[in-house]
Amino acid sequence: MLGRDLASLRRVEELWPHRVETLPINRSNIESALAGADVLISGVLVRGGAVAPKLIARADLRAMGPGAVIVDVSIDQGGVLETSRPTTHTDPVYVEEGVVHYCVANMPGAVPFTSTNALTAATLPYVLRLAELGTDKAVSADVALARGLMTRGGVLLNRSVAPA
């Protein structure tokens, strides 16, 4: 697992000791991780709906080898591979450089019941907090709620959202 946030990488290591290798994301670690890999799942999320960075070039795929599989979860933001292009649930895969690409936009749409339950489980505590304390107190008391606040009183608070 490659990532920018070292604290998050440490948490993953604590949750699954000796089961998940974590590394800071950089060009060298990307190349090393791709070499001989059977599966790559990209999970890059760019705040504010911006386009995902192209982290993997067409030539990089050759290091994985024929029959390897890529799931580009970042396709909703343009994908992280030079070779990524959106597919659909009815025609989900294509092959580039011998590597199978799965780049379905809105992947949760394939499992609507499960994804709805997961979203509800993740958001319900915030909804309850808002209902219990009211918007002002809840946002003041909960850093996660405050970071998620995009607009207030007609004012755009999160500047990275404006271009989107």
C-alpha atoms as a PDB file:
ATOM      1  CA  MET A   1       0.000   0.000   0.000  1.00  0.00           C
ATOM      2  CA  LEU A   2       1.460   3.290  -1.102  1.00  0.00           C
ATOM      3  CA  GLY A   3       0.281   6.622   0.257  1.00  0.00           C
ATOM      4  CA  ARG A   4       1.192  10.198   1.117  1.00  0.00           C
ATOM      5  CA  ASP A   5      -0.152  10.284   4.666  1.00  0.00           C
ATOM      6  CA  LEU A   6       2.413   8.519   6.844  1.00  0.00           C
ATOM      7  CA  ALA A   7       0.062   8.456   9.848  1.00  0.00           C
ATOM      8  CA  SER A   8      -2.536   6.571   7.792  1.00  0.00           C
ATOM      9  CA  LEU A   9       0.103   4.122   6.581  1.00  0.00           C
ATOM     10  CA  ARG A  10       1.143   3.500  10.190  1.00  0.00           C
ATOM     11  CA  ARG A  11      -2.493   2.839  11.180  1.00  0.00           C
ATOM     12  CA  VAL A  12      -2.768   0.241   8.400  1.00  0.00           C
ATOM     13  CA  GLU A  13       0.398  -1.452   9.655  1.00  0.00           C
ATOM     14  CA  GLU A  14      -1.025  -1.508  13.196  1.00  0.00           C
ATOM     15  CA  LEU A  15      -4.345  -2.970  12.033  1.00  0.00           C
ATOM     16  CA  TRP A  16      -2.750  -5.685   9.890  1.00  0.00           C
ATOM     17  CA  PRO A  17       0.778  -6.272  11.203  1.00  0.00           C
ATOM     18  CA  HIS A  18       3.001  -8.334   8.893  1.00  0.00           C
ATOM     19  CA  ARG A  19       0.117  -8.643   6.381  1.00  0.00           C
ATOM     20  CA  VAL A  20       0.290  -5.325   4.526  1.00  0.00           C
ATOM     21  CA  GLU A  21       3.467  -3.601   3.419  1.00  0.00           C
ATOM     22  CA  THR A  22       3.192   0.178   3.372  1.00  0.00           C
ATOM     23  CA  LEU A  23       5.466   2.635   1.605  1.00  0.00           C
ATOM     24  CA  PRO A  24       5.455   6.362   0.960  1.00  0.00           C
ATOM     25  CA  ILE A  25       4.328   7.067  -2.575  1.00  0.00           C
ATOM     26  CA  ASN A  26       7.084   8.124  -4.933  1.00  0.00           C
ATOM     27  CA  ARG A  27       8.216   7.132  -8.392  1.00  0.00           C
ATOM     28  CA  SER A  28      10.723   4.542  -7.183  1.00  0.00           C
ATOM     29  CA  ASN A  29       8.208   2.809  -4.895  1.00  0.00           C
ATOM     30  CA  ILE A  30       5.557   2.785  -7.645  1.00  0.00           C
ATOM     31  CA  GLU A  31       7.982   1.095 -10.041  1.00  0.00           C
ATOM     32  CA  SER A  32       9.032  -1.411  -7.394  1.00  0.00           C
ATOM     33  CA  ALA A  33       5.425  -2.244  -6.474  1.00  0.00           C
ATOM     34  CA  LEU A  34       4.430  -2.783 -10.107  1.00  0.00           C
ATOM     35  CA  ALA A  35       7.290  -5.152 -10.908  1.00  0.00           C
ATOM     36  CA  GLY A  36       5.717  -8.577 -11.190  1.00  0.00           C
ATOM     37  CA  ALA A  37       2.465  -7.499  -9.519  1.00  0.00           C
ATOM     38  CA  ASP A  38      -0.626  -9.546 -10.322  1.00  0.00           C
ATOM     39  CA  VAL A  39      -3.148  -6.908  -9.231  1.00  0.00           C
ATOM     40  CA  LEU A  40      -3.098  -3.140  -8.775  1.00  0.00           C
ATOM     41  CA  ILE A  41      -5.989  -1.349  -7.113  1.00  0.00           C
ATOM     42  CA  SER A  42      -5.700   2.417  -7.320  1.00  0.00           C
ATOM     43  CA  GLY A  43      -7.510   4.377  -4.671  1.00  0.00           C
ATOM     44  CA  VAL A  44      -6.331   7.933  -5.255  1.00  0.00           C
ATOM     45  CA  LEU A  45      -8.861  10.527  -4.140  1.00  0.00           C
ATOM     46  CA  VAL A  46      -8.282  14.147  -5.018  1.00  0.00           C
ATOM     47  CA  ARG A  47     -10.278  16.532  -2.873  1.00  0.00           C
ATOM     48  CA  GLY A  48     -12.621  18.960  -4.508  1.00  0.00           C
ATOM     49  CA  GLY A  49     -13.380  16.742  -7.481  1.00  0.00           C
ATOM     50  CA  ALA A  50     -10.150  17.633  -9.277  1.00  0.00           C
ATOM     51  CA  VAL A  51      -8.640  15.300 -11.859  1.00  0.00           C
ATOM     52  CA  ALA A  52      -6.515  12.473 -10.457  1.00  0.00           C
ATOM     53  CA  PRO A  53      -2.800  12.633 -11.246  1.00  0.00           C
ATOM     54  CA  LYS A  54      -1.472  10.236 -13.877  1.00  0.00           C
ATOM     55  CA  LEU A  55       0.880   8.167 -11.721  1.00  0.00           C
ATOM     56  CA  ILE A  56       1.379   5.186 -14.032  1.00  0.00           C
ATOM     57  CA  ALA A  57       2.505   5.436 -17.648  1.00  0.00           C
ATOM     58  CA  ARG A  58       1.753   2.945 -20.392  1.00  0.00           C
ATOM     59  CA  ALA A  59       5.366   1.710 -20.280  1.00  0.00           C
ATOM     60  CA  ASP A  60       5.013   0.964 -16.537  1.00  0.00           C
ATOM     61  CA  LEU A  61       2.398  -1.705 -17.295  1.00  0.00           C
ATOM     62  CA  ARG A  62       5.000  -3.882 -18.979  1.00  0.00           C
ATOM     63  CA  ALA A  63       6.622  -4.471 -15.589  1.00  0.00           C
ATOM     64  CA  MET A  64       3.439  -6.183 -14.391  1.00  0.00           C
ATOM     65  CA  GLY A  65       3.322  -8.675 -17.216  1.00  0.00           C
ATOM     66  CA  PRO A  66       0.562 -10.223 -19.307  1.00  0.00           C
ATOM     67  CA  GLY A  67      -2.614 -11.217 -17.499  1.00  0.00           C
ATOM     68  CA  ALA A  68      -2.123  -8.799 -14.607  1.00  0.00           C
ATOM     69  CA  VAL A  69      -5.215  -6.861 -13.542  1.00  0.00           C
ATOM     70  CA  ILE A  70      -5.726  -3.200 -12.728  1.00  0.00           C
ATOM     71  CA  VAL A  71      -8.794  -1.846 -10.945  1.00  0.00           C
ATOM     72  CA  ASP A  72      -8.745   1.930 -11.314  1.00  0.00           C
ATOM     73  CA  VAL A  73     -11.130   3.101  -8.593  1.00  0.00           C
ATOM     74  CA  SER A  74      -9.986   6.650  -9.385  1.00  0.00           C
ATOM     75  CA  ILE A  75     -11.655   6.530 -12.806  1.00  0.00           C
ATOM     76  CA  ASP A  76     -14.425   8.835 -11.577  1.00  0.00           C
ATOM     77  CA  GLN A  77     -11.711  11.495 -11.370  1.00  0.00           C
ATOM     78  CA  GLY A  78     -10.041  10.546 -14.651  1.00  0.00           C
ATOM     79  CA  GLY A  79      -8.004   7.574 -13.447  1.00  0.00           C
ATOM     80  CA  VAL A  80      -4.366   7.334 -12.393  1.00  0.00           C
ATOM     81  CA  LEU A  81      -3.094   5.436 -15.405  1.00  0.00           C
ATOM     82  CA  GLU A  82      -2.193   6.878 -18.755  1.00  0.00           C
ATOM     83  CA  THR A  83      -4.182   3.963 -20.206  1.00  0.00           C
ATOM     84  CA  SER A  84      -7.325   4.401 -18.084  1.00  0.00           C
ATOM     85  CA  ARG A  85     -10.654   5.118 -19.740  1.00  0.00           C
ATOM     86  CA  PRO A  86     -14.123   4.746 -18.247  1.00  0.00           C
ATOM     87  CA  THR A  87     -15.954   1.469 -18.813  1.00  0.00           C
ATOM     88  CA  THR A  88     -19.422   0.313 -17.810  1.00  0.00           C
ATOM     89  CA  HIS A  89     -20.927  -2.500 -15.773  1.00  0.00           C
ATOM     90  CA  THR A  90     -22.100  -4.121 -19.024  1.00  0.00           C
ATOM     91  CA  ASP A  91     -18.686  -3.850 -20.739  1.00  0.00           C
ATOM     92  CA  PRO A  92     -16.286  -3.564 -17.797  1.00  0.00           C
ATOM     93  CA  VAL A  93     -12.822  -4.548 -19.061  1.00  0.00           C
ATOM     94  CA  TYR A  94     -10.297  -3.953 -21.826  1.00  0.00           C
ATOM     95  CA  VAL A  95      -6.648  -4.914 -22.307  1.00  0.00           C
ATOM     96  CA  GLU A  96      -3.696  -2.558 -22.786  1.00  0.00           C
ATOM     97  CA  GLU A  97      -0.092  -3.799 -22.890  1.00  0.00           C
ATOM     98  CA  GLY A  98      -1.374  -7.272 -21.922  1.00  0.00           C
ATOM     99  CA  VAL A  99      -2.864  -5.939 -18.667  1.00  0.00           C
ATOM    100  CA  VAL A 100      -6.595  -6.235 -17.997  1.00  0.00           C
ATOM    101  CA  HIS A 101      -8.126  -2.880 -16.998  1.00  0.00           C
ATOM    102  CA  TYR A 102     -11.325  -2.587 -14.951  1.00  0.00           C
ATOM    103  CA  CYS A 103     -12.286   1.083 -14.945  1.00  0.00           C
ATOM    104  CA  VAL A 104     -16.004   1.140 -14.224  1.00  0.00           C
ATOM    105  CA  ALA A 105     -17.256   4.552 -13.192  1.00  0.00           C
ATOM    106  CA  ASN A 106     -19.462   4.460 -10.087  1.00  0.00           C
ATOM    107  CA  MET A 107     -18.279   1.017  -8.978  1.00  0.00           C
ATOM    108  CA  PRO A 108     -20.627   1.014  -5.963  1.00  0.00           C
ATOM    109  CA  GLY A 109     -23.520   0.987  -8.443  1.00  0.00           C
ATOM    110  CA  ALA A 110     -22.797  -2.708  -9.027  1.00  0.00           C
ATOM    111  CA  VAL A 111     -23.741  -3.452  -5.417  1.00  0.00           C
ATOM    112  CA  PRO A 112     -26.390  -0.852  -4.576  1.00  0.00           C
ATOM    113  CA  PHE A 113     -27.729  -2.526  -1.433  1.00  0.00           C
ATOM    114  CA  THR A 114     -24.279  -3.093   0.058  1.00  0.00           C
ATOM    115  CA  SER A 115     -22.963   0.332  -0.924  1.00  0.00           C
ATOM    116  CA  THR A 116     -26.037   2.055   0.518  1.00  0.00           C
ATOM    117  CA  ASN A 117     -25.590   0.190   3.802  1.00  0.00           C
ATOM    118  CA  ALA A 118     -21.897   1.096   3.886  1.00  0.00           C
ATOM    119  CA  LEU A 119     -22.607   4.773   3.179  1.00  0.00           C
ATOM    120  CA  THR A 120     -25.333   4.835   5.826  1.00  0.00           C
ATOM    121  CA  ALA A 121     -23.041   3.230   8.398  1.00  0.00           C
ATOM    122  CA  ALA A 122     -20.331   5.786   7.641  1.00  0.00           C
ATOM    123  CA  THR A 123     -22.583   8.869   7.671  1.00  0.00           C
ATOM    124  CA  LEU A 124     -25.197   8.064  10.320  1.00  0.00           C
ATOM    125  CA  PRO A 125     -22.983   9.024  13.288  1.00  0.00           C
ATOM    126  CA  TYR A 126     -22.534  12.491  11.745  1.00  0.00           C
ATOM    127  CA  VAL A 127     -26.257  12.881  11.076  1.00  0.00           C
ATOM    128  CA  LEU A 128     -27.011  11.915  14.688  1.00  0.00           C
ATOM    129  CA  ARG A 129     -24.404  14.363  15.948  1.00  0.00           C
ATOM    130  CA  LEU A 130     -25.943  17.168  13.874  1.00  0.00           C
ATOM    131  CA  ALA A 131     -29.419  16.277  15.140  1.00  0.00           C
ATOM    132  CA  GLU A 132     -28.261  16.132  18.756  1.00  0.00           C
ATOM    133  CA  LEU A 133     -26.162  19.314  18.870  1.00  0.00           C
ATOM    134  CA  GLY A 134     -27.377  21.424  15.964  1.00  0.00           C
ATOM    135  CA  THR A 135     -25.136  22.556  13.133  1.00  0.00           C
ATOM    136  CA  ASP A 136     -23.105  25.223  14.956  1.00  0.00           C
ATOM    137  CA  LYS A 137     -22.241  23.140  18.022  1.00  0.00           C
ATOM    138  CA  ALA A 138     -21.683  19.928  16.057  1.00  0.00           C
ATOM    139  CA  VAL A 139     -19.257  21.593  13.643  1.00  0.00           C
ATOM    140  CA  SER A 140     -17.423  23.231  16.541  1.00  0.00           C
ATOM    141  CA  ALA A 141     -17.198  19.975  18.488  1.00  0.00           C
ATOM    142  CA  ASP A 142     -16.276  17.624  15.631  1.00  0.00           C
ATOM    143  CA  VAL A 143     -13.178  18.279  13.516  1.00  0.00           C
ATOM    144  CA  ALA A 144     -14.291  15.797  10.840  1.00  0.00           C
ATOM    145  CA  LEU A 145     -17.619  17.590  10.418  1.00  0.00           C
ATOM    146  CA  ALA A 146     -15.864  20.952  10.246  1.00  0.00           C
ATOM    147  CA  ARG A 147     -13.467  19.682   7.546  1.00  0.00           C
ATOM    148  CA  GLY A 148     -16.397  18.344   5.539  1.00  0.00           C
ATOM    149  CA  LEU A 149     -18.308  21.627   5.584  1.00  0.00           C
ATOM    150  CA  MET A 150     -18.310  23.003   2.047  1.00  0.00           C
ATOM    151  CA  THR A 151     -20.711  25.955   2.264  1.00  0.00           C
ATOM    152  CA  ARG A 152     -22.286  27.955   5.047  1.00  0.00           C
ATOM    153  CA  GLY A 153     -24.691  30.857   4.805  1.00  0.00           C
ATOM    154  CA  GLY A 154     -24.184  31.040   1.047  1.00  0.00           C
ATOM    155  CA  VAL A 155     -20.391  31.253   1.366  1.00  0.00           C
ATOM    156  CA  LEU A 156     -18.123  28.628  -0.196  1.00  0.00           C
ATOM    157  CA  LEU A 157     -15.767  27.531   2.580  1.00  0.00           C
ATOM    158  CA  ASN A 158     -13.725  24.916   0.760  1.00  0.00           C
ATOM    159  CA  ARG A 159     -11.799  26.658  -2.010  1.00  0.00           C
ATOM    160  CA  SER A 160     -10.684  23.417  -3.671  1.00  0.00           C
ATOM    161  CA  VAL A 161     -14.337  22.696  -4.510  1.00  0.00           C
ATOM    162  CA  ALA A 162     -14.849  25.962  -6.439  1.00  0.00           C
ATOM    163  CA  PRO A 163     -13.257  24.841  -9.750  1.00  0.00           C
ATOM    164  CA  ALA A 164     -15.345  21.632  -9.739  1.00  0.00           C
END
